[in-house]
PDB file of N, CA and C in Angstrom:
ATOM      1  N   MET A   1     -29.047 -46.360   0.955  1.00  0.00           N
ATOM      2  CA  MET A   1     -27.697 -46.124   1.363  1.00  0.00           C
ATOM      3  C   MET A   1     -27.237 -44.768   0.817  1.00  0.00           C
ATOM      4  N   ALA A   2     -26.709 -43.907   1.708  1.00  0.00           N
ATOM      5  CA  ALA A   2     -26.265 -42.574   1.304  1.00  0.00           C
ATOM      6  C   ALA A   2     -24.854 -42.646   0.724  1.00  0.00           C
ATOM      7  N   MET A   3     -24.609 -41.774  -0.262  1.00  0.00           N
ATOM      8  CA  MET A   3     -23.284 -41.745  -0.877  1.00  0.00           C
ATOM      9  C   MET A   3     -22.358 -40.850  -0.060  1.00  0.00           C
ATOM     10  N   LYS A   4     -21.107 -41.243   0.041  1.00  0.00           N
ATOM     11  CA  LYS A   4     -20.124 -40.434   0.747  1.00  0.00           C
ATOM     12  C   LYS A   4     -19.662 -39.309  -0.168  1.00  0.00           C
ATOM     13  N   PRO A   5     -19.415 -38.100   0.402  1.00  0.00           N
ATOM     14  CA  PRO A   5     -18.911 -37.025  -0.455  1.00  0.00           C
ATOM     15  C   PRO A   5     -17.487 -37.326  -0.908  1.00  0.00           C
ATOM     16  N   ARG A   6     -17.189 -36.969  -2.116  1.00  0.00           N
ATOM     17  CA  ARG A   6     -15.872 -37.232  -2.661  1.00  0.00           C
ATOM     18  C   ARG A   6     -15.012 -35.973  -2.567  1.00  0.00           C
ATOM     19  N   VAL A   7     -13.736 -36.180  -2.342  1.00  0.00           N
ATOM     20  CA  VAL A   7     -12.786 -35.081  -2.245  1.00  0.00           C
ATOM     21  C   VAL A   7     -11.898 -35.124  -3.469  1.00  0.00           C
ATOM     22  N   LYS A   8     -11.790 -33.981  -4.168  1.00  0.00           N
ATOM     23  CA  LYS A   8     -10.938 -33.915  -5.344  1.00  0.00           C
ATOM     24  C   LYS A   8      -9.533 -33.509  -4.896  1.00  0.00           C
ATOM     25  N   ILE A   9      -8.551 -34.313  -5.254  1.00  0.00           N
ATOM     26  CA  ILE A   9      -7.172 -34.039  -4.885  1.00  0.00           C
ATOM     27  C   ILE A   9      -6.456 -33.484  -6.115  1.00  0.00           C
ATOM     28  N   VAL A  10      -5.921 -32.273  -5.966  1.00  0.00           N
ATOM     29  CA  VAL A  10      -5.206 -31.636  -7.071  1.00  0.00           C
ATOM     30  C   VAL A  10      -3.727 -31.971  -6.917  1.00  0.00           C
ATOM     31  N   THR A  11      -3.171 -32.634  -7.904  1.00  0.00           N
ATOM     32  CA  THR A  11      -1.785 -33.077  -7.795  1.00  0.00           C
ATOM     33  C   THR A  11      -0.860 -32.357  -8.765  1.00  0.00           C
ATOM     34  N   ASN A  12      -1.371 -31.398  -9.530  1.00  0.00           N
ATOM     35  CA  ASN A  12      -0.495 -30.718 -10.476  1.00  0.00           C
ATOM     36  C   ASN A  12       0.384 -29.699  -9.744  1.00  0.00           C
ATOM     37  N   THR A  13       1.545 -29.422 -10.285  1.00  0.00           N
ATOM     38  CA  THR A  13       2.465 -28.458  -9.680  1.00  0.00           C
ATOM     39  C   THR A  13       2.288 -27.106 -10.370  1.00  0.00           C
ATOM     40  N   PRO A  14       2.395 -26.019  -9.605  1.00  0.00           N
ATOM     41  CA  PRO A  14       2.218 -24.701 -10.224  1.00  0.00           C
ATOM     42  C   PRO A  14       3.395 -24.361 -11.127  1.00  0.00           C
ATOM     43  N   GLY A  15       3.161 -23.490 -12.082  1.00  0.00           N
ATOM     44  CA  GLY A  15       4.214 -23.058 -13.000  1.00  0.00           C
ATOM     45  C   GLY A  15       5.116 -22.028 -12.338  1.00  0.00           C
ATOM     46  N   PRO A  16       6.102 -21.546 -13.054  1.00  0.00           N
ATOM     47  CA  PRO A  16       7.013 -20.553 -12.473  1.00  0.00           C
ATOM     48  C   PRO A  16       6.296 -19.225 -12.212  1.00  0.00           C
ATOM     49  N   ALA A  17       6.741 -18.518 -11.176  1.00  0.00           N
ATOM     50  CA  ALA A  17       6.141 -17.231 -10.821  1.00  0.00           C
ATOM     51  C   ALA A  17       6.556 -16.168 -11.839  1.00  0.00           C
ATOM     52  N   PRO A  18       5.722 -15.144 -12.042  1.00  0.00           N
ATOM     53  CA  PRO A  18       6.102 -14.089 -12.981  1.00  0.00           C
ATOM     54  C   PRO A  18       7.289 -13.285 -12.455  1.00  0.00           C
ATOM     55  N   LYS A  19       8.127 -12.799 -13.368  1.00  0.00           N
ATOM     56  CA  LYS A  19       9.312 -12.024 -12.996  1.00  0.00           C
ATOM     57  C   LYS A  19       8.911 -10.616 -12.596  1.00  0.00           C
ATOM     58  N   ALA A  20       9.686 -10.011 -11.689  1.00  0.00           N
ATOM     59  CA  ALA A  20       9.436  -8.641 -11.247  1.00  0.00           C
ATOM     60  C   ALA A  20       9.845  -7.662 -12.340  1.00  0.00           C
ATOM     61  N   VAL A  21       9.030  -6.632 -12.527  1.00  0.00           N
ATOM     62  CA  VAL A  21       9.326  -5.592 -13.518  1.00  0.00           C
ATOM     63  C   VAL A  21       9.299  -4.228 -12.830  1.00  0.00           C
ATOM     64  N   GLU A  22       9.890  -3.228 -13.463  1.00  0.00           N
ATOM     65  CA  GLU A  22       9.972  -1.889 -12.887  1.00  0.00           C
ATOM     66  C   GLU A  22       8.902  -0.952 -13.436  1.00  0.00           C
ATOM     67  N   TYR A  23       7.822  -1.503 -13.965  1.00  0.00           N
ATOM     68  CA  TYR A  23       6.760  -0.680 -14.524  1.00  0.00           C
ATOM     69  C   TYR A  23       5.413  -1.386 -14.352  1.00  0.00           C
ATOM     70  N   ALA A  24       4.345  -0.609 -14.406  1.00  0.00           N
ATOM     71  CA  ALA A  24       2.994  -1.162 -14.397  1.00  0.00           C
ATOM     72  C   ALA A  24       2.498  -1.167 -15.832  1.00  0.00           C
ATOM     73  N   ASP A  25       2.075  -2.310 -16.307  1.00  0.00           N
ATOM     74  CA  ASP A  25       1.591  -2.442 -17.673  1.00  0.00           C
ATOM     75  C   ASP A  25       0.065  -2.475 -17.642  1.00  0.00           C
ATOM     76  N   ILE A  26      -0.561  -1.388 -18.057  1.00  0.00           N
ATOM     77  CA  ILE A  26      -2.016  -1.281 -18.062  1.00  0.00           C
ATOM     78  C   ILE A  26      -2.496  -1.607 -19.469  1.00  0.00           C
ATOM     79  N   LYS A  27      -3.387  -2.582 -19.579  1.00  0.00           N
ATOM     80  CA  LYS A  27      -3.842  -3.048 -20.883  1.00  0.00           C
ATOM     81  C   LYS A  27      -4.502  -1.916 -21.667  1.00  0.00           C
ATOM     82  N   GLY A  28      -4.036  -1.701 -22.864  1.00  0.00           N
ATOM     83  CA  GLY A  28      -4.608  -0.699 -23.748  1.00  0.00           C
ATOM     84  C   GLY A  28      -4.193   0.733 -23.431  1.00  0.00           C
ATOM     85  N   GLN A  29      -3.403   0.957 -22.371  1.00  0.00           N
ATOM     86  CA  GLN A  29      -3.024   2.318 -22.005  1.00  0.00           C
ATOM     87  C   GLN A  29      -1.519   2.523 -21.938  1.00  0.00           C
ATOM     88  N   GLY A  30      -0.735   1.479 -21.967  1.00  0.00           N
ATOM     89  CA  GLY A  30       0.710   1.612 -21.966  1.00  0.00           C
ATOM     90  C   GLY A  30       1.337   1.255 -20.637  1.00  0.00           C
ATOM     91  N   ARG A  31       2.592   1.690 -20.464  1.00  0.00           N
ATOM     92  CA  ARG A  31       3.360   1.359 -19.265  1.00  0.00           C
ATOM     93  C   ARG A  31       3.604   2.611 -18.431  1.00  0.00           C
ATOM     94  N   ILE A  32       3.601   2.434 -17.104  1.00  0.00           N
ATOM     95  CA  ILE A  32       3.881   3.516 -16.164  1.00  0.00           C
ATOM     96  C   ILE A  32       5.019   3.044 -15.276  1.00  0.00           C
ATOM     97  N   PRO A  33       6.153   3.773 -15.230  1.00  0.00           N
ATOM     98  CA  PRO A  33       7.256   3.327 -14.373  1.00  0.00           C
ATOM     99  C   PRO A  33       6.916   3.534 -12.898  1.00  0.00           C
ATOM    100  N   TYR A  34       7.361   2.603 -12.062  1.00  0.00           N
ATOM    101  CA  TYR A  34       7.184   2.740 -10.623  1.00  0.00           C
ATOM    102  C   TYR A  34       8.152   3.794 -10.104  1.00  0.00           C
ATOM    103  N   GLY A  35       7.780   4.493  -9.033  1.00  0.00           N
ATOM    104  CA  GLY A  35       8.639   5.524  -8.464  1.00  0.00           C
ATOM    105  C   GLY A  35       9.777   4.928  -7.665  1.00  0.00           C
ATOM    106  N   LYS A  36      10.800   5.720  -7.460  1.00  0.00           N
ATOM    107  CA  LYS A  36      11.944   5.305  -6.659  1.00  0.00           C
ATOM    108  C   LYS A  36      11.656   5.584  -5.191  1.00  0.00           C
ATOM    109  N   THR A  37      12.282   4.843  -4.298  1.00  0.00           N
ATOM    110  CA  THR A  37      12.062   5.048  -2.879  1.00  0.00           C
ATOM    111  C   THR A  37      12.849   6.259  -2.397  1.00  0.00           C
ATOM    112  N   ALA A  38      12.277   6.963  -1.448  1.00  0.00           N
ATOM    113  CA  ALA A  38      12.918   8.146  -0.868  1.00  0.00           C
ATOM    114  C   ALA A  38      12.493   8.227   0.592  1.00  0.00           C
ATOM    115  N   PRO A  39      13.304   8.827   1.436  1.00  0.00           N
ATOM    116  CA  PRO A  39      12.905   8.965   2.836  1.00  0.00           C
ATOM    117  C   PRO A  39      11.701   9.902   2.969  1.00  0.00           C
ATOM    118  N   ALA A  40      10.895   9.642   3.985  1.00  0.00           N
ATOM    119  CA  ALA A  40       9.712  10.471   4.219  1.00  0.00           C
ATOM    120  C   ALA A  40      10.142  11.873   4.605  1.00  0.00           C
ATOM    121  N   PRO A  41       9.471  12.916   4.119  1.00  0.00           N
ATOM    122  CA  PRO A  41       9.922  14.271   4.405  1.00  0.00           C
ATOM    123  C   PRO A  41       9.746  14.687   5.858  1.00  0.00           C
ATOM    124  N   MET A  42       8.822  14.069   6.593  1.00  0.00           N
ATOM    125  CA  MET A  42       8.599  14.449   7.980  1.00  0.00           C
ATOM    126  C   MET A  42       9.240  13.463   8.955  1.00  0.00           C
ATOM    127  N   ALA A  43      10.010  12.502   8.461  1.00  0.00           N
ATOM    128  CA  ALA A  43      10.619  11.522   9.341  1.00  0.00           C
ATOM    129  C   ALA A  43      11.715  12.177  10.174  1.00  0.00           C
ATOM    130  N   GLY A  44      11.763  11.831  11.428  1.00  0.00           N
ATOM    131  CA  GLY A  44      12.788  12.364  12.309  1.00  0.00           C
ATOM    132  C   GLY A  44      12.369  12.195  13.759  1.00  0.00           C
ATOM    133  N   ASP A  45      13.298  12.406  14.656  1.00  0.00           N
ATOM    134  CA  ASP A  45      13.008  12.229  16.070  1.00  0.00           C
ATOM    135  C   ASP A  45      12.764  13.540  16.798  1.00  0.00           C
ATOM    136  N   THR A  46      13.088  14.666  16.184  1.00  0.00           N
ATOM    137  CA  THR A  46      12.926  15.944  16.877  1.00  0.00           C
ATOM    138  C   THR A  46      11.525  16.486  16.625  1.00  0.00           C
ATOM    139  N   PRO A  47      10.776  16.785  17.694  1.00  0.00           N
ATOM    140  CA  PRO A  47       9.447  17.359  17.498  1.00  0.00           C
ATOM    141  C   PRO A  47       9.551  18.798  16.997  1.00  0.00           C
ATOM    142  N   ARG A  48       8.585  19.208  16.229  1.00  0.00           N
ATOM    143  CA  ARG A  48       8.551  20.575  15.731  1.00  0.00           C
ATOM    144  C   ARG A  48       7.121  21.095  15.759  1.00  0.00           C
ATOM    145  N   LYS A  49       6.980  22.386  15.669  1.00  0.00           N
ATOM    146  CA  LYS A  49       5.668  23.012  15.729  1.00  0.00           C
ATOM    147  C   LYS A  49       4.983  22.856  14.376  1.00  0.00           C
ATOM    148  N   MET A  50       3.769  22.296  14.395  1.00  0.00           N
ATOM    149  CA  MET A  50       3.035  22.039  13.165  1.00  0.00           C
ATOM    150  C   MET A  50       1.706  22.780  13.213  1.00  0.00           C
ATOM    151  N   THR A  51       1.131  23.063  12.055  1.00  0.00           N
ATOM    152  CA  THR A  51      -0.106  23.825  11.953  1.00  0.00           C
ATOM    153  C   THR A  51      -1.282  22.881  11.740  1.00  0.00           C
ATOM    154  N   MET A  52      -2.353  23.108  12.492  1.00  0.00           N
ATOM    155  CA  MET A  52      -3.564  22.309  12.327  1.00  0.00           C
ATOM    156  C   MET A  52      -4.389  22.871  11.183  1.00  0.00           C
ATOM    157  N   ARG A  53      -5.153  22.008  10.552  1.00  0.00           N
ATOM    158  CA  ARG A  53      -6.050  22.423   9.479  1.00  0.00           C
ATOM    159  C   ARG A  53      -7.428  21.857   9.755  1.00  0.00           C
ATOM    160  N   GLY A  54      -8.443  22.486   9.229  1.00  0.00           N
ATOM    161  CA  GLY A  54      -9.798  21.973   9.362  1.00  0.00           C
ATOM    162  C   GLY A  54     -10.659  22.851  10.248  1.00  0.00           C
ATOM    163  N   ALA A  55     -11.921  22.467  10.371  1.00  0.00           N
ATOM    164  CA  ALA A  55     -12.887  23.267  11.108  1.00  0.00           C
ATOM    165  C   ALA A  55     -12.620  23.245  12.605  1.00  0.00           C
ATOM    166  N   GLY A  56     -12.080  22.154  13.142  1.00  0.00           N
ATOM    167  CA  GLY A  56     -11.833  22.074  14.570  1.00  0.00           C
ATOM    168  C   GLY A  56     -10.648  22.892  15.024  1.00  0.00           C
ATOM    169  N   ALA A  57      -9.806  23.358  14.116  1.00  0.00           N
ATOM    170  CA  ALA A  57      -8.622  24.124  14.488  1.00  0.00           C
ATOM    171  C   ALA A  57      -8.994  25.469  15.090  1.00  0.00           C
ATOM    172  N   ALA A  58     -10.117  26.017  14.696  1.00  0.00           N
ATOM    173  CA  ALA A  58     -10.535  27.314  15.234  1.00  0.00           C
ATOM    174  C   ALA A  58     -10.925  27.199  16.703  1.00  0.00           C
ATOM    175  N   ARG A  59     -11.431  26.036  17.126  1.00  0.00           N
ATOM    176  CA  ARG A  59     -11.858  25.862  18.499  1.00  0.00           C
ATOM    177  C   ARG A  59     -10.724  25.392  19.413  1.00  0.00           C
ATOM    178  N   THR A  60      -9.865  24.507  18.896  1.00  0.00           N
ATOM    179  CA  THR A  60      -8.881  23.858  19.774  1.00  0.00           C
ATOM    180  C   THR A  60      -7.490  24.480  19.708  1.00  0.00           C
ATOM    181  N   GLY A  61      -7.263  25.416  18.877  1.00  0.00           N
ATOM    182  CA  GLY A  61      -5.943  26.007  18.727  1.00  0.00           C
ATOM    183  C   GLY A  61      -5.453  25.795  17.311  1.00  0.00           C
ATOM    184  N   LYS A  62      -4.416  26.491  16.942  1.00  0.00           N
ATOM    185  CA  LYS A  62      -3.985  26.442  15.553  1.00  0.00           C
ATOM    186  C   LYS A  62      -2.650  25.749  15.352  1.00  0.00           C
ATOM    187  N   SER A  63      -1.995  25.289  16.424  1.00  0.00           N
ATOM    188  CA  SER A  63      -0.715  24.611  16.264  1.00  0.00           C
ATOM    189  C   SER A  63      -0.562  23.544  17.320  1.00  0.00           C
ATOM    190  N   PHE A  64       0.379  22.616  17.085  1.00  0.00           N
ATOM    191  CA  PHE A  64       0.662  21.543  18.028  1.00  0.00           C
ATOM    192  C   PHE A  64       2.081  21.058  17.790  1.00  0.00           C
ATOM    193  N   MET A  65       2.618  20.316  18.747  1.00  0.00           N
ATOM    194  CA  MET A  65       3.949  19.765  18.607  1.00  0.00           C
ATOM    195  C   MET A  65       3.843  18.368  18.008  1.00  0.00           C
ATOM    196  N   GLY A  66       4.525  18.127  16.920  1.00  0.00           N
ATOM    197  CA  GLY A  66       4.457  16.834  16.256  1.00  0.00           C
ATOM    198  C   GLY A  66       5.803  16.443  15.698  1.00  0.00           C
ATOM    199  N   ARG A  67       5.811  15.321  14.987  1.00  0.00           N
ATOM    200  CA  ARG A  67       7.056  14.820  14.382  1.00  0.00           C
ATOM    201  C   ARG A  67       6.925  14.769  12.910  1.00  0.00           C
TER     202      ARG A  67
END
């Protein structure tokens, strides 16, 4: 007669979640404060002329319209 597999039921409740902090605590190295939020410097709806970089820019042109 084969034995049926048993299922372990975990009935314990989890503890409280850790509180949010404004710094990263790296063990043995200290604390680093998180940065503040700021709007993206290129965010906007008006397109503007931008410069391409890299090896392909010499073949395809050096500027394009972007946001």
